């Protein structure tokens, strides 16, 4: 919701629940993810930061 309020992505209410995070079946130290977004306007660069809690 923060990124939507700043005008970076759109339709968070629909795309947010579609995000998937799952542990890889072959490598238990890997997490695979699918994070659908709808960028607003002419967004040229999309960067992502993952914060891990151990």
PDB file of N, CA and C in Angstrom:
ATOM      1  N   UNK A   1       0.815  -1.197   0.000  1.00  0.00           N
ATOM      2  CA  UNK A   1       0.000   0.000   0.000  1.00  0.00           C
ATOM      3  C   UNK A   1       0.863   1.268   0.000  1.00  0.00           C
ATOM      4  N   UNK A   2       2.042   1.195   0.618  1.00  0.00           N
ATOM      5  CA  UNK A   2       2.937   2.360   0.649  1.00  0.00           C
ATOM      6  C   UNK A   2       3.323   2.753  -0.769  1.00  0.00           C
ATOM      7  N   UNK A   3       3.681   1.764  -1.600  1.00  0.00           N
ATOM      8  CA  UNK A   3       4.110   2.070  -2.966  1.00  0.00           C
ATOM      9  C   UNK A   3       2.965   2.613  -3.799  1.00  0.00           C
ATOM     10  N   UNK A   4       1.753   2.140  -3.542  1.00  0.00           N
ATOM     11  CA  UNK A   4       0.597   2.670  -4.266  1.00  0.00           C
ATOM     12  C   UNK A   4       0.340   4.111  -3.861  1.00  0.00           C
ATOM     13  N   UNK A   5       0.419   4.407  -2.554  1.00  0.00           N
ATOM     14  CA  UNK A   5       0.157   5.775  -2.100  1.00  0.00           C
ATOM     15  C   UNK A   5       1.208   6.758  -2.607  1.00  0.00           C
ATOM     16  N   UNK A   6       2.407   6.266  -2.902  1.00  0.00           N
ATOM     17  CA  UNK A   6       3.457   7.132  -3.450  1.00  0.00           C
ATOM     18  C   UNK A   6       3.394   7.227  -4.971  1.00  0.00           C
ATOM     19  N   UNK A   7       2.468   6.493  -5.582  1.00  0.00           N
ATOM     20  CA  UNK A   7       2.288   6.592  -7.027  1.00  0.00           C
ATOM     21  C   UNK A   7       3.233   5.734  -7.829  1.00  0.00           C
ATOM     22  N   UNK A   8       3.775   4.682  -7.230  1.00  0.00           N
ATOM     23  CA  UNK A   8       4.731   3.830  -7.952  1.00  0.00           C
ATOM     24  C   UNK A   8       4.076   2.614  -8.585  1.00  0.00           C
ATOM     25  N   UNK A   9       3.071   2.045  -7.911  1.00  0.00           N
ATOM     26  CA  UNK A   9       2.362   0.884  -8.462  1.00  0.00           C
ATOM     27  C   UNK A   9       0.865   1.101  -8.282  1.00  0.00           C
ATOM     28  N   UNK A  10       0.099   0.331  -9.003  1.00  0.00           N
ATOM     29  CA  UNK A  10      -1.356   0.500  -8.996  1.00  0.00           C
ATOM     30  C   UNK A  10      -2.037  -0.834  -8.702  1.00  0.00           C
ATOM     31  N   UNK A  11      -3.261  -0.784  -8.214  1.00  0.00           N
ATOM     32  CA  UNK A  11      -4.128  -1.938  -8.018  1.00  0.00           C
ATOM     33  C   UNK A  11      -3.586  -2.946  -7.004  1.00  0.00           C
ATOM     34  N   UNK A  12      -3.078  -2.450  -5.879  1.00  0.00           N
ATOM     35  CA  UNK A  12      -2.504  -3.296  -4.839  1.00  0.00           C
ATOM     36  C   UNK A  12      -3.542  -4.241  -4.238  1.00  0.00           C
ATOM     37  N   UNK A  13      -4.776  -3.797  -4.136  1.00  0.00           N
ATOM     38  CA  UNK A  13      -5.826  -4.638  -3.550  1.00  0.00           C
ATOM     39  C   UNK A  13      -6.028  -5.931  -4.344  1.00  0.00           C
ATOM     40  N   UNK A  14      -5.794  -5.891  -5.637  1.00  0.00           N
ATOM     41  CA  UNK A  14      -5.944  -7.074  -6.475  1.00  0.00           C
ATOM     42  C   UNK A  14      -4.653  -7.872  -6.569  1.00  0.00           C
ATOM     43  N   UNK A  15      -3.535  -7.193  -6.806  1.00  0.00           N
ATOM     44  CA  UNK A  15      -2.279  -7.905  -7.023  1.00  0.00           C
ATOM     45  C   UNK A  15      -1.630  -8.406  -5.729  1.00  0.00           C
ATOM     46  N   UNK A  16      -1.823  -7.709  -4.616  1.00  0.00           N
ATOM     47  CA  UNK A  16      -1.215  -8.109  -3.349  1.00  0.00           C
ATOM     48  C   UNK A  16      -1.551  -9.530  -2.934  1.00  0.00           C
ATOM     49  N   UNK A  17      -2.827  -9.896  -2.899  1.00  0.00           N
ATOM     50  CA  UNK A  17      -3.185 -11.268  -2.520  1.00  0.00           C
ATOM     51  C   UNK A  17      -2.696 -12.333  -3.505  1.00  0.00           C
ATOM     52  N   UNK A  18      -2.279 -11.929  -4.707  1.00  0.00           N
ATOM     53  CA  UNK A  18      -1.777 -12.882  -5.699  1.00  0.00           C
ATOM     54  C   UNK A  18      -0.302 -13.216  -5.474  1.00  0.00           C
ATOM     55  N   UNK A  19       0.366 -12.503  -4.575  1.00  0.00           N
ATOM     56  CA  UNK A  19       1.784 -12.760  -4.307  1.00  0.00           C
ATOM     57  C   UNK A  19       1.942 -14.141  -3.679  1.00  0.00           C
ATOM     58  N   UNK A  20       2.993 -14.853  -4.125  1.00  0.00           N
ATOM     59  CA  UNK A  20       3.246 -16.210  -3.651  1.00  0.00           C
ATOM     60  C   UNK A  20       4.692 -16.305  -3.183  1.00  0.00           C
ATOM     61  N   UNK A  21       4.891 -16.852  -1.992  1.00  0.00           N
ATOM     62  CA  UNK A  21       6.217 -17.136  -1.461  1.00  0.00           C
ATOM     63  C   UNK A  21       6.215 -18.583  -0.999  1.00  0.00           C
ATOM     64  N   UNK A  22       7.120 -19.394  -1.564  1.00  0.00           N
ATOM     65  CA  UNK A  22       7.146 -20.800  -1.183  1.00  0.00           C
ATOM     66  C   UNK A  22       8.571 -21.329  -1.168  1.00  0.00           C
ATOM     67  N   UNK A  23       8.821 -22.235  -0.229  1.00  0.00           N
ATOM     68  CA  UNK A  23      10.143 -22.853  -0.121  1.00  0.00           C
ATOM     69  C   UNK A  23      10.336 -23.809  -1.288  1.00  0.00           C
ATOM     70  N   UNK A  24      11.504 -23.757  -1.891  1.00  0.00           N
ATOM     71  CA  UNK A  24      11.837 -24.608  -3.030  1.00  0.00           C
ATOM     72  C   UNK A  24      11.866 -26.072  -2.591  1.00  0.00           C
ATOM     73  N   UNK A  25      11.249 -26.946  -3.372  1.00  0.00           N
ATOM     74  CA  UNK A  25      11.180 -28.359  -2.996  1.00  0.00           C
ATOM     75  C   UNK A  25      12.528 -29.058  -3.090  1.00  0.00           C
ATOM     76  N   UNK A  26      13.433 -28.573  -3.957  1.00  0.00           N
ATOM     77  CA  UNK A  26      14.744 -29.195  -4.116  1.00  0.00           C
ATOM     78  C   UNK A  26      15.826 -28.563  -3.252  1.00  0.00           C
ATOM     79  N   UNK A  27      15.638 -27.332  -2.844  1.00  0.00           N
ATOM     80  CA  UNK A  27      16.642 -26.612  -2.060  1.00  0.00           C
ATOM     81  C   UNK A  27      15.944 -25.900  -0.907  1.00  0.00           C
ATOM     82  N   UNK A  28      15.991 -26.474   0.283  1.00  0.00           N
ATOM     83  CA  UNK A  28      15.279 -25.930   1.432  1.00  0.00           C
ATOM     84  C   UNK A  28      15.823 -24.582   1.882  1.00  0.00           C
ATOM     85  N   UNK A  29      16.973 -24.153   1.352  1.00  0.00           N
ATOM     86  CA  UNK A  29      17.544 -22.851   1.680  1.00  0.00           C
ATOM     87  C   UNK A  29      17.126 -21.768   0.695  1.00  0.00           C
ATOM     88  N   UNK A  30      16.224 -22.109  -0.205  1.00  0.00           N
ATOM     89  CA  UNK A  30      15.777 -21.167  -1.234  1.00  0.00           C
ATOM     90  C   UNK A  30      14.269 -20.936  -1.117  1.00  0.00           C
ATOM     91  N   UNK A  31      13.872 -19.688  -1.277  1.00  0.00           N
ATOM     92  CA  UNK A  31      12.448 -19.349  -1.317  1.00  0.00           C
ATOM     93  C   UNK A  31      12.154 -18.748  -2.685  1.00  0.00           C
ATOM     94  N   UNK A  32      11.189 -19.307  -3.370  1.00  0.00           N
ATOM     95  CA  UNK A  32      10.760 -18.803  -4.664  1.00  0.00           C
ATOM     96  C   UNK A  32       9.558 -17.885  -4.453  1.00  0.00           C
ATOM     97  N   UNK A  33       9.493 -16.842  -5.257  1.00  0.00           N
ATOM     98  CA  UNK A  33       8.379 -15.911  -5.100  1.00  0.00           C
ATOM     99  C   UNK A  33       7.862 -15.447  -6.455  1.00  0.00           C
ATOM    100  N   UNK A  34       6.612 -15.058  -6.426  1.00  0.00           N
ATOM    101  CA  UNK A  34       5.971 -14.440  -7.592  1.00  0.00           C
ATOM    102  C   UNK A  34       5.213 -13.242  -7.041  1.00  0.00           C
ATOM    103  N   UNK A  35       5.619 -12.054  -7.452  1.00  0.00           N
ATOM    104  CA  UNK A  35       5.019 -10.824  -6.939  1.00  0.00           C
ATOM    105  C   UNK A  35       4.518  -9.991  -8.117  1.00  0.00           C
ATOM    106  N   UNK A  36       3.247 -10.155  -8.481  1.00  0.00           N
ATOM    107  CA  UNK A  36       2.716  -9.394  -9.608  1.00  0.00           C
ATOM    108  C   UNK A  36       2.475  -7.932  -9.214  1.00  0.00           C
ATOM    109  N   UNK A  37       2.881  -7.023 -10.069  1.00  0.00           N
ATOM    110  CA  UNK A  37       2.632  -5.598  -9.833  1.00  0.00           C
ATOM    111  C   UNK A  37       2.178  -4.940 -11.125  1.00  0.00           C
ATOM    112  N   UNK A  38       1.535  -3.809 -10.980  1.00  0.00           N
ATOM    113  CA  UNK A  38       1.151  -2.979 -12.124  1.00  0.00           C
ATOM    114  C   UNK A  38       1.821  -1.627 -11.929  1.00  0.00           C
ATOM    115  N   UNK A  39       2.966  -1.390 -12.607  1.00  0.00           N
ATOM    116  CA  UNK A  39       3.637  -0.105 -12.460  1.00  0.00           C
ATOM    117  C   UNK A  39       2.790   1.026 -13.026  1.00  0.00           C
ATOM    118  N   UNK A  40       2.901   2.185 -12.416  1.00  0.00           N
ATOM    119  CA  UNK A  40       2.160   3.360 -12.880  1.00  0.00           C
ATOM    120  C   UNK A  40       3.040   4.193 -13.794  1.00  0.00           C
ATOM    121  N   UNK A  41       2.444   4.783 -14.788  1.00  0.00           N
ATOM    122  CA  UNK A  41       3.153   5.702 -15.663  1.00  0.00           C
ATOM    123  C   UNK A  41       4.309   5.046 -16.386  1.00  0.00           C
ATOM    124  N   UNK A  42       5.398   5.784 -16.502  1.00  0.00           N
ATOM    125  CA  UNK A  42       6.561   5.300 -17.262  1.00  0.00           C
ATOM    126  C   UNK A  42       7.676   4.865 -16.321  1.00  0.00           C
ATOM    127  N   UNK A  43       7.336   4.024 -15.358  1.00  0.00           N
ATOM    128  CA  UNK A  43       8.338   3.498 -14.437  1.00  0.00           C
ATOM    129  C   UNK A  43       9.393   2.742 -15.239  1.00  0.00           C
ATOM    130  N   UNK A  44      10.629   3.186 -15.153  1.00  0.00           N
ATOM    131  CA  UNK A  44      11.695   2.601 -15.956  1.00  0.00           C
ATOM    132  C   UNK A  44      12.443   1.521 -15.189  1.00  0.00           C
ATOM    133  N   UNK A  45      12.734   1.747 -13.917  1.00  0.00           N
ATOM    134  CA  UNK A  45      13.507   0.804 -13.115  1.00  0.00           C
ATOM    135  C   UNK A  45      12.643   0.297 -11.972  1.00  0.00           C
ATOM    136  N   UNK A  46      12.614  -0.994 -11.800  1.00  0.00           N
ATOM    137  CA  UNK A  46      11.899  -1.605 -10.692  1.00  0.00           C
ATOM    138  C   UNK A  46      12.919  -2.349  -9.839  1.00  0.00           C
ATOM    139  N   UNK A  47      13.090  -1.944  -8.600  1.00  0.00           N
ATOM    140  CA  UNK A  47      14.032  -2.581  -7.689  1.00  0.00           C
ATOM    141  C   UNK A  47      13.264  -3.193  -6.543  1.00  0.00           C
ATOM    142  N   UNK A  48      13.858  -4.187  -5.919  1.00  0.00           N
ATOM    143  CA  UNK A  48      13.197  -4.901  -4.840  1.00  0.00           C
ATOM    144  C   UNK A  48      14.191  -5.169  -3.728  1.00  0.00           C
ATOM    145  N   UNK A  49      13.745  -5.098  -2.491  1.00  0.00           N
ATOM    146  CA  UNK A  49      14.585  -5.412  -1.330  1.00  0.00           C
ATOM    147  C   UNK A  49      13.872  -6.475  -0.511  1.00  0.00           C
ATOM    148  N   UNK A  50      14.580  -7.543  -0.201  1.00  0.00           N
ATOM    149  CA  UNK A  50      14.049  -8.583   0.656  1.00  0.00           C
ATOM    150  C   UNK A  50      14.714  -8.475   2.015  1.00  0.00           C
ATOM    151  N   UNK A  51      13.926  -8.457   3.060  1.00  0.00           N
ATOM    152  CA  UNK A  51      14.467  -8.416   4.417  1.00  0.00           C
ATOM    153  C   UNK A  51      14.152  -9.753   5.072  1.00  0.00           C
ATOM    154  N   UNK A  52      15.196 -10.471   5.457  1.00  0.00           N
ATOM    155  CA  UNK A  52      15.030 -11.789   6.049  1.00  0.00           C
ATOM    156  C   UNK A  52      15.107 -11.701   7.556  1.00  0.00           C
ATOM    157  N   UNK A  53      14.243 -12.417   8.224  1.00  0.00           N
ATOM    158  CA  UNK A  53      14.262 -12.505   9.682  1.00  0.00           C
ATOM    159  C   UNK A  53      14.670 -13.913  10.054  1.00  0.00           C
ATOM    160  N   UNK A  54      15.668 -14.020  10.910  1.00  0.00           N
ATOM    161  CA  UNK A  54      16.133 -15.355  11.342  1.00  0.00           C
ATOM    162  C   UNK A  54      16.036 -15.507  12.828  1.00  0.00           C
TER     163      UNK A  54
END
